[in-house]
Amino acid sequence: MRGLLGRTGLPPTEALLLERTRSIHTFGMRFPIAVVLLDRKLRVLAVKRLVPRRVLLPRPRVRHLLECHTGVRLRSGDVLEEG
């Protein structure tokens, strides 16, 4: 899976959900992203900002990751809806 690699940016209205993924890297990316760490019920555990050439290592309880624009307004405890 390539994810956002090769893209020049990410619009604020788009995101990429990586199911059953606990870690990512931003090597080869051209822009910073926000990474939303989600548990199995899609509850936000944390939001981390990653610049290019970084690694997000696996964390306890994380089951999915959401790659977003850095201006995302999600906080710990928020729950995403499937749809």
PDB file of N, CA and C in Angstrom:
ATOM      1  N   MET A   1       0.841  -1.181   0.000  1.00  0.00           N
ATOM      2  CA  MET A   1       0.000   0.000   0.000  1.00  0.00           C
ATOM      3  C   MET A   1       0.884   1.243   0.000  1.00  0.00           C
ATOM      4  N   ARG A   2       0.520   2.206  -0.811  1.00  0.00           N
ATOM      5  CA  ARG A   2       1.302   3.425  -0.919  1.00  0.00           C
ATOM      6  C   ARG A   2       0.795   4.550  -0.031  1.00  0.00           C
ATOM      7  N   GLY A   3      -0.450   4.507   0.367  1.00  0.00           N
ATOM      8  CA  GLY A   3      -0.973   5.581   1.201  1.00  0.00           C
ATOM      9  C   GLY A   3      -0.909   6.916   0.490  1.00  0.00           C
ATOM     10  N   LEU A   4      -0.309   7.905   1.128  1.00  0.00           N
ATOM     11  CA  LEU A   4      -0.235   9.253   0.565  1.00  0.00           C
ATOM     12  C   LEU A   4       1.086   9.528  -0.149  1.00  0.00           C
ATOM     13  N   LEU A   5       1.959   8.526  -0.232  1.00  0.00           N
ATOM     14  CA  LEU A   5       3.253   8.722  -0.902  1.00  0.00           C
ATOM     15  C   LEU A   5       3.043   9.146  -2.352  1.00  0.00           C
ATOM     16  N   GLY A   6       3.829  10.095  -2.791  1.00  0.00           N
ATOM     17  CA  GLY A   6       3.764  10.564  -4.164  1.00  0.00           C
ATOM     18  C   GLY A   6       2.786  11.704  -4.395  1.00  0.00           C
ATOM     19  N   ARG A   7       1.934  11.993  -3.425  1.00  0.00           N
ATOM     20  CA  ARG A   7       1.004  13.105  -3.567  1.00  0.00           C
ATOM     21  C   ARG A   7       1.697  14.401  -3.163  1.00  0.00           C
ATOM     22  N   THR A   8       1.187  15.511  -3.652  1.00  0.00           N
ATOM     23  CA  THR A   8       1.790  16.806  -3.338  1.00  0.00           C
ATOM     24  C   THR A   8       1.106  17.508  -2.170  1.00  0.00           C
ATOM     25  N   GLY A   9      -0.007  16.959  -1.709  1.00  0.00           N
ATOM     26  CA  GLY A   9      -0.716  17.557  -0.585  1.00  0.00           C
ATOM     27  C   GLY A   9      -1.957  16.754  -0.256  1.00  0.00           C
ATOM     28  N   LEU A  10      -2.638  17.184   0.780  1.00  0.00           N
ATOM     29  CA  LEU A  10      -3.871  16.525   1.207  1.00  0.00           C
ATOM     30  C   LEU A  10      -4.889  17.606   1.536  1.00  0.00           C
ATOM     31  N   PRO A  11      -6.002  17.666   0.781  1.00  0.00           N
ATOM     32  CA  PRO A  11      -7.025  18.675   1.077  1.00  0.00           C
ATOM     33  C   PRO A  11      -7.602  18.470   2.476  1.00  0.00           C
ATOM     34  N   PRO A  12      -8.039  19.555   3.130  1.00  0.00           N
ATOM     35  CA  PRO A  12      -8.584  19.458   4.486  1.00  0.00           C
ATOM     36  C   PRO A  12      -9.828  18.580   4.582  1.00  0.00           C
ATOM     37  N   THR A  13     -10.507  18.338   3.470  1.00  0.00           N
ATOM     38  CA  THR A  13     -11.741  17.546   3.483  1.00  0.00           C
ATOM     39  C   THR A  13     -11.505  16.062   3.203  1.00  0.00           C
ATOM     40  N   GLU A  14     -10.250  15.650   3.048  1.00  0.00           N
ATOM     41  CA  GLU A  14      -9.945  14.255   2.746  1.00  0.00           C
ATOM     42  C   GLU A  14      -9.066  13.645   3.824  1.00  0.00           C
ATOM     43  N   ALA A  15      -9.163  12.328   3.963  1.00  0.00           N
ATOM     44  CA  ALA A  15      -8.321  11.585   4.897  1.00  0.00           C
ATOM     45  C   ALA A  15      -8.199  10.154   4.371  1.00  0.00           C
ATOM     46  N   LEU A  16      -7.230   9.431   4.903  1.00  0.00           N
ATOM     47  CA  LEU A  16      -7.022   8.048   4.509  1.00  0.00           C
ATOM     48  C   LEU A  16      -7.038   7.182   5.763  1.00  0.00           C
ATOM     49  N   LEU A  17      -8.019   6.275   5.850  1.00  0.00           N
ATOM     50  CA  LEU A  17      -8.122   5.362   6.981  1.00  0.00           C
ATOM     51  C   LEU A  17      -7.318   4.110   6.673  1.00  0.00           C
ATOM     52  N   LEU A  18      -6.371   3.803   7.536  1.00  0.00           N
ATOM     53  CA  LEU A  18      -5.560   2.595   7.394  1.00  0.00           C
ATOM     54  C   LEU A  18      -6.027   1.605   8.467  1.00  0.00           C
ATOM     55  N   GLU A  19      -6.868   0.677   8.051  1.00  0.00           N
ATOM     56  CA  GLU A  19      -7.415  -0.293   8.994  1.00  0.00           C
ATOM     57  C   GLU A  19      -6.366  -1.327   9.372  1.00  0.00           C
ATOM     58  N   ARG A  20      -6.434  -1.784  10.622  1.00  0.00           N
ATOM     59  CA  ARG A  20      -5.509  -2.784  11.151  1.00  0.00           C
ATOM     60  C   ARG A  20      -4.049  -2.402  10.899  1.00  0.00           C
ATOM     61  N   THR A  21      -3.763  -1.131  11.134  1.00  0.00           N
ATOM     62  CA  THR A  21      -2.406  -0.596  10.987  1.00  0.00           C
ATOM     63  C   THR A  21      -2.041   0.110  12.278  1.00  0.00           C
ATOM     64  N   ARG A  22      -0.855  -0.163  12.792  1.00  0.00           N
ATOM     65  CA  ARG A  22      -0.448   0.415  14.075  1.00  0.00           C
ATOM     66  C   ARG A  22       0.735   1.356  13.957  1.00  0.00           C
ATOM     67  N   SER A  23       1.412   1.363  12.808  1.00  0.00           N
ATOM     68  CA  SER A  23       2.565   2.251  12.644  1.00  0.00           C
ATOM     69  C   SER A  23       2.659   2.676  11.185  1.00  0.00           C
ATOM     70  N   ILE A  24       3.295   3.828  10.963  1.00  0.00           N
ATOM     71  CA  ILE A  24       3.509   4.325   9.596  1.00  0.00           C
ATOM     72  C   ILE A  24       4.836   5.067   9.550  1.00  0.00           C
ATOM     73  N   HIS A  25       5.233   5.409   8.333  1.00  0.00           N
ATOM     74  CA  HIS A  25       6.402   6.272   8.143  1.00  0.00           C
ATOM     75  C   HIS A  25       6.043   7.342   7.128  1.00  0.00           C
ATOM     76  N   THR A  26       6.805   8.418   7.126  1.00  0.00           N
ATOM     77  CA  THR A  26       6.568   9.496   6.167  1.00  0.00           C
ATOM     78  C   THR A  26       7.783   9.697   5.255  1.00  0.00           C
ATOM     79  N   PHE A  27       8.600   8.661   5.102  1.00  0.00           N
ATOM     80  CA  PHE A  27       9.720   8.742   4.161  1.00  0.00           C
ATOM     81  C   PHE A  27       9.159   8.834   2.747  1.00  0.00           C
ATOM     82  N   GLY A  28       9.624   9.780   1.966  1.00  0.00           N
ATOM     83  CA  GLY A  28       9.137   9.975   0.609  1.00  0.00           C
ATOM     84  C   GLY A  28       7.944  10.911   0.514  1.00  0.00           C
ATOM     85  N   MET A  29       7.417  11.354   1.643  1.00  0.00           N
ATOM     86  CA  MET A  29       6.293  12.290   1.596  1.00  0.00           C
ATOM     87  C   MET A  29       6.824  13.709   1.437  1.00  0.00           C
ATOM     88  N   ARG A  30       5.993  14.559   0.877  1.00  0.00           N
ATOM     89  CA  ARG A  30       6.402  15.938   0.574  1.00  0.00           C
ATOM     90  C   ARG A  30       5.757  16.978   1.483  1.00  0.00           C
ATOM     91  N   PHE A  31       4.949  16.535   2.441  1.00  0.00           N
ATOM     92  CA  PHE A  31       4.210  17.480   3.278  1.00  0.00           C
ATOM     93  C   PHE A  31       3.930  16.830   4.630  1.00  0.00           C
ATOM     94  N   PRO A  32       3.723  17.644   5.670  1.00  0.00           N
ATOM     95  CA  PRO A  32       3.390  17.089   6.992  1.00  0.00           C
ATOM     96  C   PRO A  32       1.945  16.607   7.017  1.00  0.00           C
ATOM     97  N   ILE A  33       1.655  15.668   7.908  1.00  0.00           N
ATOM     98  CA  ILE A  33       0.294  15.167   8.075  1.00  0.00           C
ATOM     99  C   ILE A  33      -0.026  15.053   9.569  1.00  0.00           C
ATOM    100  N   ALA A  34      -1.299  14.965   9.856  1.00  0.00           N
ATOM    101  CA  ALA A  34      -1.748  14.608  11.202  1.00  0.00           C
ATOM    102  C   ALA A  34      -2.134  13.138  11.145  1.00  0.00           C
ATOM    103  N   VAL A  35      -1.731  12.400  12.154  1.00  0.00           N
ATOM    104  CA  VAL A  35      -2.071  10.982  12.229  1.00  0.00           C
ATOM    105  C   VAL A  35      -2.946  10.789  13.464  1.00  0.00           C
ATOM    106  N   VAL A  36      -4.154  10.293  13.237  1.00  0.00           N
ATOM    107  CA  VAL A  36      -5.095  10.060  14.317  1.00  0.00           C
ATOM    108  C   VAL A  36      -5.001   8.583  14.693  1.00  0.00           C
ATOM    109  N   LEU A  37      -4.664   8.306  15.940  1.00  0.00           N
ATOM    110  CA  LEU A  37      -4.541   6.947  16.446  1.00  0.00           C
ATOM    111  C   LEU A  37      -5.889   6.525  17.002  1.00  0.00           C
ATOM    112  N   LEU A  38      -6.415   5.409  16.491  1.00  0.00           N
ATOM    113  CA  LEU A  38      -7.762   4.952  16.831  1.00  0.00           C
ATOM    114  C   LEU A  38      -7.732   3.572  17.476  1.00  0.00           C
ATOM    115  N   ASP A  39      -8.670   3.336  18.394  1.00  0.00           N
ATOM    116  CA  ASP A  39      -8.794   2.002  18.978  1.00  0.00           C
ATOM    117  C   ASP A  39      -9.759   1.181  18.122  1.00  0.00           C
ATOM    118  N   ARG A  40     -10.101  -0.023  18.576  1.00  0.00           N
ATOM    119  CA  ARG A  40     -10.949  -0.922  17.783  1.00  0.00           C
ATOM    120  C   ARG A  40     -12.366  -0.387  17.589  1.00  0.00           C
ATOM    121  N   LYS A  41     -12.820   0.537  18.437  1.00  0.00           N
ATOM    122  CA  LYS A  41     -14.155   1.126  18.297  1.00  0.00           C
ATOM    123  C   LYS A  41     -14.114   2.479  17.605  1.00  0.00           C
ATOM    124  N   LEU A  42     -12.998   2.803  16.966  1.00  0.00           N
ATOM    125  CA  LEU A  42     -12.765   4.064  16.253  1.00  0.00           C
ATOM    126  C   LEU A  42     -12.785   5.271  17.185  1.00  0.00           C
ATOM    127  N   ARG A  43     -12.398   5.058  18.422  1.00  0.00           N
ATOM    128  CA  ARG A  43     -12.262   6.149  19.399  1.00  0.00           C
ATOM    129  C   ARG A  43     -10.859   6.732  19.260  1.00  0.00           C
ATOM    130  N   VAL A  44     -10.761   8.048  19.241  1.00  0.00           N
ATOM    131  CA  VAL A  44      -9.472   8.720  19.100  1.00  0.00           C
ATOM    132  C   VAL A  44      -8.674   8.566  20.396  1.00  0.00           C
ATOM    133  N   LEU A  45      -7.486   7.989  20.267  1.00  0.00           N
ATOM    134  CA  LEU A  45      -6.589   7.853  21.407  1.00  0.00           C
ATOM    135  C   LEU A  45      -5.616   9.028  21.473  1.00  0.00           C
ATOM    136  N   ALA A  46      -5.197   9.511  20.315  1.00  0.00           N
ATOM    137  CA  ALA A  46      -4.256  10.635  20.243  1.00  0.00           C
ATOM    138  C   ALA A  46      -4.198  11.139  18.808  1.00  0.00           C
ATOM    139  N   VAL A  47      -3.710  12.356  18.644  1.00  0.00           N
ATOM    140  CA  VAL A  47      -3.453  12.935  17.326  1.00  0.00           C
ATOM    141  C   VAL A  47      -2.006  13.393  17.324  1.00  0.00           C
ATOM    142  N   LYS A  48      -1.233  12.905  16.369  1.00  0.00           N
ATOM    143  CA  LYS A  48       0.190  13.239  16.271  1.00  0.00           C
ATOM    144  C   LYS A  48       0.459  13.922  14.945  1.00  0.00           C
ATOM    145  N   ARG A  49       1.315  14.912  14.966  1.00  0.00           N
ATOM    146  CA  ARG A  49       1.733  15.594  13.738  1.00  0.00           C
ATOM    147  C   ARG A  49       3.058  14.997  13.301  1.00  0.00           C
ATOM    148  N   LEU A  50       3.120  14.555  12.043  1.00  0.00           N
ATOM    149  CA  LEU A  50       4.349  13.969  11.506  1.00  0.00           C
ATOM    150  C   LEU A  50       4.828  14.771  10.310  1.00  0.00           C
ATOM    151  N   VAL A  51       6.070  15.158  10.340  1.00  0.00           N
ATOM    152  CA  VAL A  51       6.699  15.810   9.200  1.00  0.00           C
ATOM    153  C   VAL A  51       7.354  14.730   8.346  1.00  0.00           C
ATOM    154  N   PRO A  52       7.751  15.047   7.117  1.00  0.00           N
ATOM    155  CA  PRO A  52       8.415  14.045   6.277  1.00  0.00           C
ATOM    156  C   PRO A  52       9.652  13.448   6.954  1.00  0.00           C
ATOM    157  N   ARG A  53       9.921  12.198   6.595  1.00  0.00           N
ATOM    158  CA  ARG A  53      11.084  11.429   7.068  1.00  0.00           C
ATOM    159  C   ARG A  53      11.006  11.079   8.551  1.00  0.00           C
ATOM    160  N   ARG A  54       9.816  10.732   9.028  1.00  0.00           N
ATOM    161  CA  ARG A  54       9.626  10.324  10.417  1.00  0.00           C
ATOM    162  C   ARG A  54       8.916   8.970  10.477  1.00  0.00           C
ATOM    163  N   VAL A  55       8.974   8.340  11.644  1.00  0.00           N
ATOM    164  CA  VAL A  55       8.318   7.054  11.870  1.00  0.00           C
ATOM    165  C   VAL A  55       7.419   7.168  13.092  1.00  0.00           C
ATOM    166  N   LEU A  56       6.230   6.628  12.986  1.00  0.00           N
ATOM    167  CA  LEU A  56       5.333   6.511  14.134  1.00  0.00           C
ATOM    168  C   LEU A  56       5.340   5.033  14.515  1.00  0.00           C
ATOM    169  N   LEU A  57       5.912   4.723  15.666  1.00  0.00           N
ATOM    170  CA  LEU A  57       6.018   3.342  16.127  1.00  0.00           C
ATOM    171  C   LEU A  57       4.689   2.861  16.712  1.00  0.00           C
ATOM    172  N   PRO A  58       4.478   1.549  16.739  1.00  0.00           N
ATOM    173  CA  PRO A  58       3.238   1.009  17.310  1.00  0.00           C
ATOM    174  C   PRO A  58       3.047   1.447  18.763  1.00  0.00           C
ATOM    175  N   ARG A  59       1.794   1.663  19.130  1.00  0.00           N
ATOM    176  CA  ARG A  59       1.443   2.080  20.484  1.00  0.00           C
ATOM    177  C   ARG A  59       0.379   1.134  21.038  1.00  0.00           C
ATOM    178  N   PRO A  60       0.340   0.963  22.361  1.00  0.00           N
ATOM    179  CA  PRO A  60      -0.681   0.090  22.949  1.00  0.00           C
ATOM    180  C   PRO A  60      -2.092   0.558  22.596  1.00  0.00           C
ATOM    181  N   ARG A  61      -2.984  -0.392  22.367  1.00  0.00           N
ATOM    182  CA  ARG A  61      -4.416  -0.177  22.091  1.00  0.00           C
ATOM    183  C   ARG A  61      -4.716   0.394  20.715  1.00  0.00           C
ATOM    184  N   VAL A  62      -3.732   0.810  19.937  1.00  0.00           N
ATOM    185  CA  VAL A  62      -3.988   1.363  18.604  1.00  0.00           C
ATOM    186  C   VAL A  62      -4.303   0.220  17.643  1.00  0.00           C
ATOM    187  N   ARG A  63      -5.411   0.348  16.907  1.00  0.00           N
ATOM    188  CA  ARG A  63      -5.815  -0.670  15.934  1.00  0.00           C
ATOM    189  C   ARG A  63      -5.894  -0.123  14.514  1.00  0.00           C
ATOM    190  N   HIS A  64      -6.143   1.189  14.387  1.00  0.00           N
ATOM    191  CA  HIS A  64      -6.283   1.809  13.067  1.00  0.00           C
ATOM    192  C   HIS A  64      -5.629   3.190  13.117  1.00  0.00           C
ATOM    193  N   LEU A  65      -5.245   3.686  11.930  1.00  0.00           N
ATOM    194  CA  LEU A  65      -4.682   5.035  11.828  1.00  0.00           C
ATOM    195  C   LEU A  65      -5.442   5.806  10.762  1.00  0.00           C
ATOM    196  N   LEU A  66      -5.598   7.094  10.988  1.00  0.00           N
ATOM    197  CA  LEU A  66      -6.237   7.977  10.025  1.00  0.00           C
ATOM    198  C   LEU A  66      -5.238   9.060   9.668  1.00  0.00           C
ATOM    199  N   GLU A  67      -4.830   9.110   8.402  1.00  0.00           N
ATOM    200  CA  GLU A  67      -3.915  10.149   7.937  1.00  0.00           C
ATOM    201  C   GLU A  67      -4.748  11.331   7.451  1.00  0.00           C
ATOM    202  N   CYS A  68      -4.489  12.514   8.008  1.00  0.00           N
ATOM    203  CA  CYS A  68      -5.318  13.695   7.750  1.00  0.00           C
ATOM    204  C   CYS A  68      -4.465  14.929   7.486  1.00  0.00           C
ATOM    205  N   HIS A  69      -5.153  15.976   7.075  1.00  0.00           N
ATOM    206  CA  HIS A  69      -4.564  17.309   6.974  1.00  0.00           C
ATOM    207  C   HIS A  69      -4.159  17.755   8.382  1.00  0.00           C
ATOM    208  N   THR A  70      -3.111  18.532   8.503  1.00  0.00           N
ATOM    209  CA  THR A  70      -2.614  18.937   9.822  1.00  0.00           C
ATOM    210  C   THR A  70      -3.603  19.800  10.606  1.00  0.00           C
ATOM    211  N   GLY A  71      -4.610  20.342   9.955  1.00  0.00           N
ATOM    212  CA  GLY A  71      -5.593  21.176  10.645  1.00  0.00           C
ATOM    213  C   GLY A  71      -6.789  20.410  11.185  1.00  0.00           C
ATOM    214  N   VAL A  72      -6.705  19.092  11.237  1.00  0.00           N
ATOM    215  CA  VAL A  72      -7.830  18.276  11.685  1.00  0.00           C
ATOM    216  C   VAL A  72      -8.232  18.660  13.110  1.00  0.00           C
ATOM    217  N   ARG A  73      -9.547  18.643  13.365  1.00  0.00           N
ATOM    218  CA  ARG A  73     -10.060  19.046  14.688  1.00  0.00           C
ATOM    219  C   ARG A  73     -10.613  17.843  15.442  1.00  0.00           C
ATOM    220  N   LEU A  74      -9.789  16.866  15.647  1.00  0.00           N
ATOM    221  CA  LEU A  74     -10.157  15.700  16.443  1.00  0.00           C
ATOM    222  C   LEU A  74      -9.332  15.703  17.714  1.00  0.00           C
ATOM    223  N   ARG A  75      -9.935  15.207  18.794  1.00  0.00           N
ATOM    224  CA  ARG A  75      -9.244  15.161  20.088  1.00  0.00           C
ATOM    225  C   ARG A  75      -9.421  13.794  20.710  1.00  0.00           C
ATOM    226  N   SER A  76      -8.596  13.475  21.667  1.00  0.00           N
ATOM    227  CA  SER A  76      -8.707  12.229  22.409  1.00  0.00           C
ATOM    228  C   SER A  76     -10.129  12.101  22.958  1.00  0.00           C
ATOM    229  N   GLY A  77     -10.714  10.921  22.779  1.00  0.00           N
ATOM    230  CA  GLY A  77     -12.063  10.669  23.254  1.00  0.00           C
ATOM    231  C   GLY A  77     -13.131  10.795  22.185  1.00  0.00           C
ATOM    232  N   ASP A  78     -12.865  11.545  21.099  1.00  0.00           N
ATOM    233  CA  ASP A  78     -13.825  11.629  20.002  1.00  0.00           C
ATOM    234  C   ASP A  78     -14.005  10.241  19.398  1.00  0.00           C
ATOM    235  N   VAL A  79     -15.172   9.967  18.836  1.00  0.00           N
ATOM    236  CA  VAL A  79     -15.443   8.682  18.195  1.00  0.00           C
ATOM    237  C   VAL A  79     -15.867   8.929  16.752  1.00  0.00           C
ATOM    238  N   LEU A  80     -15.233   8.233  15.807  1.00  0.00           N
ATOM    239  CA  LEU A  80     -15.585   8.347  14.405  1.00  0.00           C
ATOM    240  C   LEU A  80     -16.763   7.421  14.115  1.00  0.00           C
ATOM    241  N   GLU A  81     -17.599   7.821  13.185  1.00  0.00           N
ATOM    242  CA  GLU A  81     -18.732   6.998  12.759  1.00  0.00           C
ATOM    243  C   GLU A  81     -18.404   6.335  11.446  1.00  0.00           C
ATOM    244  N   GLU A  82     -18.760   5.059  11.328  1.00  0.00           N
ATOM    245  CA  GLU A  82     -18.598   4.372  10.054  1.00  0.00           C
ATOM    246  C   GLU A  82     -19.731   4.798   9.139  1.00  0.00           C
ATOM    247  N   GLY A  83     -19.394   4.952   7.872  1.00  0.00           N
ATOM    248  CA  GLY A  83     -20.455   5.376   6.986  1.00  0.00           C
ATOM    249  C   GLY A  83     -20.107   5.370   5.608  1.00  0.00           C
TER     250      GLY A  83
END
